[in-house]
């Protein structure tokens, strides 16, 4: 599973979490990806979780890709104080 979101300059971006880090988290795969979105995306970023079966291999005009929100869109939120401490972060991005 991966995260897709609007990156810099409005271009679609894909985040593929490292399997080793996913293994350190608890919960369902979706809960793990929500946690990663909250940790690594700026607060308030709109994103969707997509399956590994979504083919993103065609890089033709990749800079022209745009992100369009869908029915499964989520919004990144602030991490808890406990999680901020765990990742040695002072605040969310």
N, C-alpha and C. Protein backbone atom coordinates (compact mmCIF):
# COMPACT_ATOMS: atom_id res chain seq x y z
N UNK A 1 0.84 -1.18 0.00
CA UNK A 1 0.00 0.00 0.00
C UNK A 1 0.89 1.24 0.00
N UNK A 2 0.35 2.30 -0.59
CA UNK A 2 1.12 3.53 -0.72
C UNK A 2 0.22 4.73 -0.45
N UNK A 3 0.85 5.88 -0.25
CA UNK A 3 0.12 7.14 -0.09
C UNK A 3 0.30 7.96 -1.35
N UNK A 4 -0.77 8.57 -1.83
CA UNK A 4 -0.67 9.49 -2.95
C UNK A 4 -1.27 10.82 -2.48
N UNK A 5 -0.56 11.90 -2.80
CA UNK A 5 -0.97 13.21 -2.30
C UNK A 5 -0.44 14.29 -3.24
N UNK A 6 -0.91 15.50 -3.02
CA UNK A 6 -0.43 16.62 -3.83
C UNK A 6 0.90 17.09 -3.26
N UNK A 7 1.93 17.01 -4.06
CA UNK A 7 3.25 17.42 -3.63
C UNK A 7 3.53 18.87 -4.00
N UNK A 8 4.78 19.20 -4.08
CA UNK A 8 5.20 20.57 -4.39
C UNK A 8 4.69 20.97 -5.77
N UNK A 9 4.33 22.21 -5.89
CA UNK A 9 3.86 22.79 -7.16
C UNK A 9 2.64 22.08 -7.71
N UNK A 10 1.86 21.42 -6.85
CA UNK A 10 0.63 20.79 -7.28
C UNK A 10 0.80 19.48 -8.02
N UNK A 11 2.00 18.95 -8.06
CA UNK A 11 2.27 17.70 -8.77
C UNK A 11 2.00 16.53 -7.84
N UNK A 12 1.35 15.50 -8.36
CA UNK A 12 1.05 14.32 -7.55
C UNK A 12 2.34 13.67 -7.06
N UNK A 13 2.30 13.20 -5.83
CA UNK A 13 3.46 12.54 -5.24
C UNK A 13 3.02 11.21 -4.64
N UNK A 14 3.94 10.27 -4.61
CA UNK A 14 3.67 8.94 -4.07
C UNK A 14 4.67 8.66 -2.97
N UNK A 15 4.18 8.16 -1.84
CA UNK A 15 5.07 7.77 -0.74
C UNK A 15 4.92 6.27 -0.54
N UNK A 16 6.03 5.58 -0.62
CA UNK A 16 6.05 4.12 -0.40
C UNK A 16 6.80 3.87 0.91
N UNK A 17 6.08 3.48 1.95
CA UNK A 17 6.75 3.29 3.24
C UNK A 17 7.67 2.08 3.23
N UNK A 18 8.73 2.18 3.99
CA UNK A 18 9.69 1.08 4.10
C UNK A 18 9.07 -0.07 4.91
N UNK A 19 9.19 -1.27 4.39
CA UNK A 19 8.62 -2.45 5.06
C UNK A 19 9.18 -2.61 6.47
N UNK A 20 10.45 -2.29 6.64
CA UNK A 20 11.08 -2.42 7.95
C UNK A 20 10.41 -1.50 8.97
N UNK A 21 10.07 -0.27 8.56
CA UNK A 21 9.40 0.66 9.47
C UNK A 21 7.96 0.21 9.71
N UNK A 22 7.27 -0.25 8.68
CA UNK A 22 5.89 -0.73 8.84
C UNK A 22 5.83 -1.84 9.88
N UNK A 23 6.84 -2.70 9.90
CA UNK A 23 6.87 -3.81 10.85
C UNK A 23 6.98 -3.34 12.30
N UNK A 24 7.45 -2.12 12.53
CA UNK A 24 7.57 -1.61 13.90
C UNK A 24 6.25 -1.05 14.42
N UNK A 25 5.27 -0.86 13.53
CA UNK A 25 3.99 -0.28 13.92
C UNK A 25 2.96 -1.37 14.20
N UNK A 26 1.95 -1.01 14.99
CA UNK A 26 0.87 -1.94 15.27
C UNK A 26 -0.39 -1.46 14.56
N UNK A 27 -1.33 -2.37 14.39
CA UNK A 27 -2.60 -2.03 13.76
C UNK A 27 -2.70 -2.61 12.36
N UNK A 28 -3.78 -2.26 11.68
CA UNK A 28 -4.00 -2.73 10.32
C UNK A 28 -3.06 -1.97 9.38
N UNK A 29 -2.95 -2.46 8.16
CA UNK A 29 -2.11 -1.76 7.17
C UNK A 29 -2.60 -0.33 6.97
N UNK A 30 -3.91 -0.14 6.92
CA UNK A 30 -4.46 1.21 6.75
C UNK A 30 -4.12 2.10 7.94
N UNK A 31 -4.25 1.58 9.15
CA UNK A 31 -3.90 2.35 10.35
C UNK A 31 -2.42 2.74 10.34
N UNK A 32 -1.57 1.83 9.89
CA UNK A 32 -0.14 2.11 9.81
C UNK A 32 0.13 3.25 8.81
N UNK A 33 -0.54 3.21 7.66
CA UNK A 33 -0.34 4.26 6.66
C UNK A 33 -0.90 5.59 7.12
N UNK A 34 -1.99 5.58 7.85
CA UNK A 34 -2.51 6.83 8.41
C UNK A 34 -1.50 7.42 9.39
N UNK A 35 -0.90 6.56 10.20
CA UNK A 35 0.14 7.02 11.14
C UNK A 35 1.32 7.64 10.38
N UNK A 36 1.75 6.99 9.32
CA UNK A 36 2.87 7.50 8.52
C UNK A 36 2.50 8.83 7.88
N UNK A 37 1.28 8.95 7.38
CA UNK A 37 0.85 10.23 6.79
C UNK A 37 0.88 11.33 7.84
N UNK A 38 0.41 11.03 9.05
CA UNK A 38 0.42 12.02 10.12
C UNK A 38 1.84 12.39 10.52
N UNK A 39 2.75 11.43 10.42
CA UNK A 39 4.14 11.66 10.81
C UNK A 39 4.92 12.43 9.74
N UNK A 40 4.71 12.07 8.47
CA UNK A 40 5.60 12.56 7.42
C UNK A 40 5.02 13.64 6.50
N UNK A 41 3.71 13.81 6.50
CA UNK A 41 3.12 14.85 5.66
C UNK A 41 2.79 16.07 6.51
N UNK A 42 2.90 17.25 5.94
CA UNK A 42 2.50 18.44 6.71
C UNK A 42 1.04 18.32 7.17
N UNK A 43 0.76 18.78 8.37
CA UNK A 43 -0.60 18.73 8.90
C UNK A 43 -1.57 19.38 7.92
N UNK A 44 -2.67 18.71 7.67
CA UNK A 44 -3.69 19.23 6.77
C UNK A 44 -3.55 18.78 5.32
N UNK A 45 -2.52 17.98 5.02
CA UNK A 45 -2.32 17.50 3.66
C UNK A 45 -3.39 16.47 3.31
N UNK A 46 -4.03 16.64 2.17
CA UNK A 46 -5.02 15.68 1.68
C UNK A 46 -4.27 14.53 1.00
N UNK A 47 -4.68 13.30 1.28
CA UNK A 47 -4.01 12.14 0.69
C UNK A 47 -4.99 10.99 0.56
N UNK A 48 -4.60 9.99 -0.18
CA UNK A 48 -5.36 8.75 -0.28
C UNK A 48 -4.39 7.58 -0.15
N UNK A 49 -4.90 6.49 0.36
CA UNK A 49 -4.15 5.25 0.45
C UNK A 49 -4.52 4.43 -0.78
N UNK A 50 -3.51 4.01 -1.52
CA UNK A 50 -3.77 3.21 -2.72
C UNK A 50 -3.08 1.86 -2.57
N UNK A 51 -3.61 0.88 -3.25
CA UNK A 51 -3.05 -0.47 -3.19
C UNK A 51 -1.82 -0.62 -4.06
N UNK A 52 -1.09 -1.67 -3.81
CA UNK A 52 0.10 -1.97 -4.61
C UNK A 52 -0.28 -2.35 -6.04
N UNK A 53 -1.56 -2.68 -6.26
CA UNK A 53 -2.01 -3.09 -7.58
C UNK A 53 -2.23 -1.90 -8.53
N UNK A 54 -2.18 -0.67 -7.99
CA UNK A 54 -2.32 0.51 -8.85
C UNK A 54 -1.01 0.70 -9.59
N UNK A 55 -1.07 0.70 -10.91
CA UNK A 55 0.13 0.77 -11.74
C UNK A 55 0.56 2.22 -11.92
N UNK A 56 1.70 2.55 -11.37
CA UNK A 56 2.28 3.89 -11.49
C UNK A 56 3.60 3.84 -12.25
N UNK A 57 3.80 2.78 -13.02
CA UNK A 57 5.09 2.58 -13.67
C UNK A 57 5.31 3.49 -14.88
N UNK A 58 4.25 3.98 -15.50
CA UNK A 58 4.40 4.85 -16.66
C UNK A 58 4.81 6.25 -16.20
N UNK A 59 6.06 6.58 -16.39
CA UNK A 59 6.58 7.86 -15.93
C UNK A 59 6.53 8.95 -17.01
N UNK A 60 5.90 8.63 -18.14
CA UNK A 60 5.76 9.61 -19.21
C UNK A 60 4.97 10.80 -18.68
N UNK A 61 5.50 11.96 -18.86
CA UNK A 61 4.85 13.19 -18.40
C UNK A 61 4.54 13.16 -16.91
N UNK A 62 5.38 12.47 -16.14
CA UNK A 62 5.11 12.34 -14.70
C UNK A 62 4.95 13.70 -14.03
N UNK A 63 5.71 14.71 -14.46
CA UNK A 63 5.59 16.03 -13.85
C UNK A 63 4.26 16.68 -14.18
N UNK A 64 3.53 16.13 -15.12
CA UNK A 64 2.23 16.67 -15.48
C UNK A 64 1.10 15.99 -14.70
N UNK A 65 1.42 14.93 -13.93
CA UNK A 65 0.39 14.28 -13.13
C UNK A 65 -0.18 15.28 -12.15
N UNK A 66 -1.45 15.21 -11.89
CA UNK A 66 -2.07 16.04 -10.86
C UNK A 66 -2.86 15.13 -9.93
N UNK A 67 -3.02 15.58 -8.72
CA UNK A 67 -3.77 14.82 -7.72
C UNK A 67 -5.19 15.35 -7.70
N UNK A 68 -6.15 14.47 -7.87
CA UNK A 68 -7.56 14.82 -7.76
C UNK A 68 -8.14 14.01 -6.62
N UNK A 69 -8.76 14.70 -5.68
CA UNK A 69 -9.28 14.00 -4.51
C UNK A 69 -10.38 13.03 -4.91
N UNK A 70 -10.51 11.99 -4.11
CA UNK A 70 -11.52 10.98 -4.35
C UNK A 70 -12.33 10.72 -3.09
N UNK A 71 -13.19 9.77 -3.15
CA UNK A 71 -14.09 9.49 -2.03
C UNK A 71 -13.36 8.93 -0.81
N UNK A 72 -12.17 8.40 -1.00
CA UNK A 72 -11.41 7.84 0.13
C UNK A 72 -10.38 8.81 0.69
N UNK A 73 -10.46 10.07 0.32
CA UNK A 73 -9.47 11.05 0.74
C UNK A 73 -9.47 11.22 2.26
N UNK A 74 -8.28 11.35 2.80
CA UNK A 74 -8.07 11.59 4.22
C UNK A 74 -7.24 12.86 4.36
N UNK A 75 -7.13 13.38 5.56
CA UNK A 75 -6.34 14.58 5.84
C UNK A 75 -5.37 14.25 6.96
N UNK A 76 -4.09 14.58 6.77
CA UNK A 76 -3.10 14.31 7.81
C UNK A 76 -3.39 15.18 9.04
N UNK A 77 -3.08 14.63 10.18
CA UNK A 77 -3.35 15.29 11.45
C UNK A 77 -2.07 15.37 12.28
N UNK A 78 -2.13 16.09 13.38
CA UNK A 78 -0.99 16.19 14.27
C UNK A 78 -0.74 14.86 14.97
N UNK A 79 0.52 14.57 15.22
CA UNK A 79 0.87 13.40 16.02
C UNK A 79 0.61 13.71 17.49
N UNK A 80 0.41 12.67 18.26
CA UNK A 80 0.26 12.84 19.70
C UNK A 80 1.59 13.27 20.29
N UNK A 81 1.55 13.82 21.49
CA UNK A 81 2.78 14.23 22.17
C UNK A 81 3.70 13.03 22.36
N UNK A 82 3.11 11.88 22.63
CA UNK A 82 3.90 10.65 22.82
C UNK A 82 4.62 10.26 21.53
N UNK A 83 3.93 10.35 20.39
CA UNK A 83 4.56 10.01 19.12
C UNK A 83 5.63 11.03 18.74
N UNK A 84 5.38 12.30 19.01
CA UNK A 84 6.40 13.32 18.73
C UNK A 84 7.68 13.01 19.49
N UNK A 85 7.53 12.64 20.75
CA UNK A 85 8.69 12.29 21.58
C UNK A 85 9.39 11.06 21.03
N UNK A 86 8.61 10.07 20.61
CA UNK A 86 9.17 8.82 20.09
C UNK A 86 10.03 9.07 18.84
N UNK A 87 9.62 10.02 18.00
CA UNK A 87 10.35 10.31 16.78
C UNK A 87 11.31 11.50 16.94
N UNK A 88 11.47 11.96 18.17
CA UNK A 88 12.36 13.08 18.47
C UNK A 88 12.00 14.32 17.64
N UNK A 89 10.69 14.58 17.56
CA UNK A 89 10.18 15.73 16.81
C UNK A 89 9.61 16.74 17.79
N UNK A 90 9.78 18.01 17.51
CA UNK A 90 9.22 19.06 18.37
C UNK A 90 7.79 19.38 17.97
N UNK A 91 7.51 19.31 16.68
CA UNK A 91 6.17 19.60 16.18
C UNK A 91 5.99 18.93 14.83
N UNK A 92 4.76 18.86 14.40
CA UNK A 92 4.51 18.31 13.07
C UNK A 92 4.98 19.29 12.02
N UNK A 93 5.23 18.78 10.84
CA UNK A 93 5.71 19.60 9.75
C UNK A 93 4.68 20.61 9.30
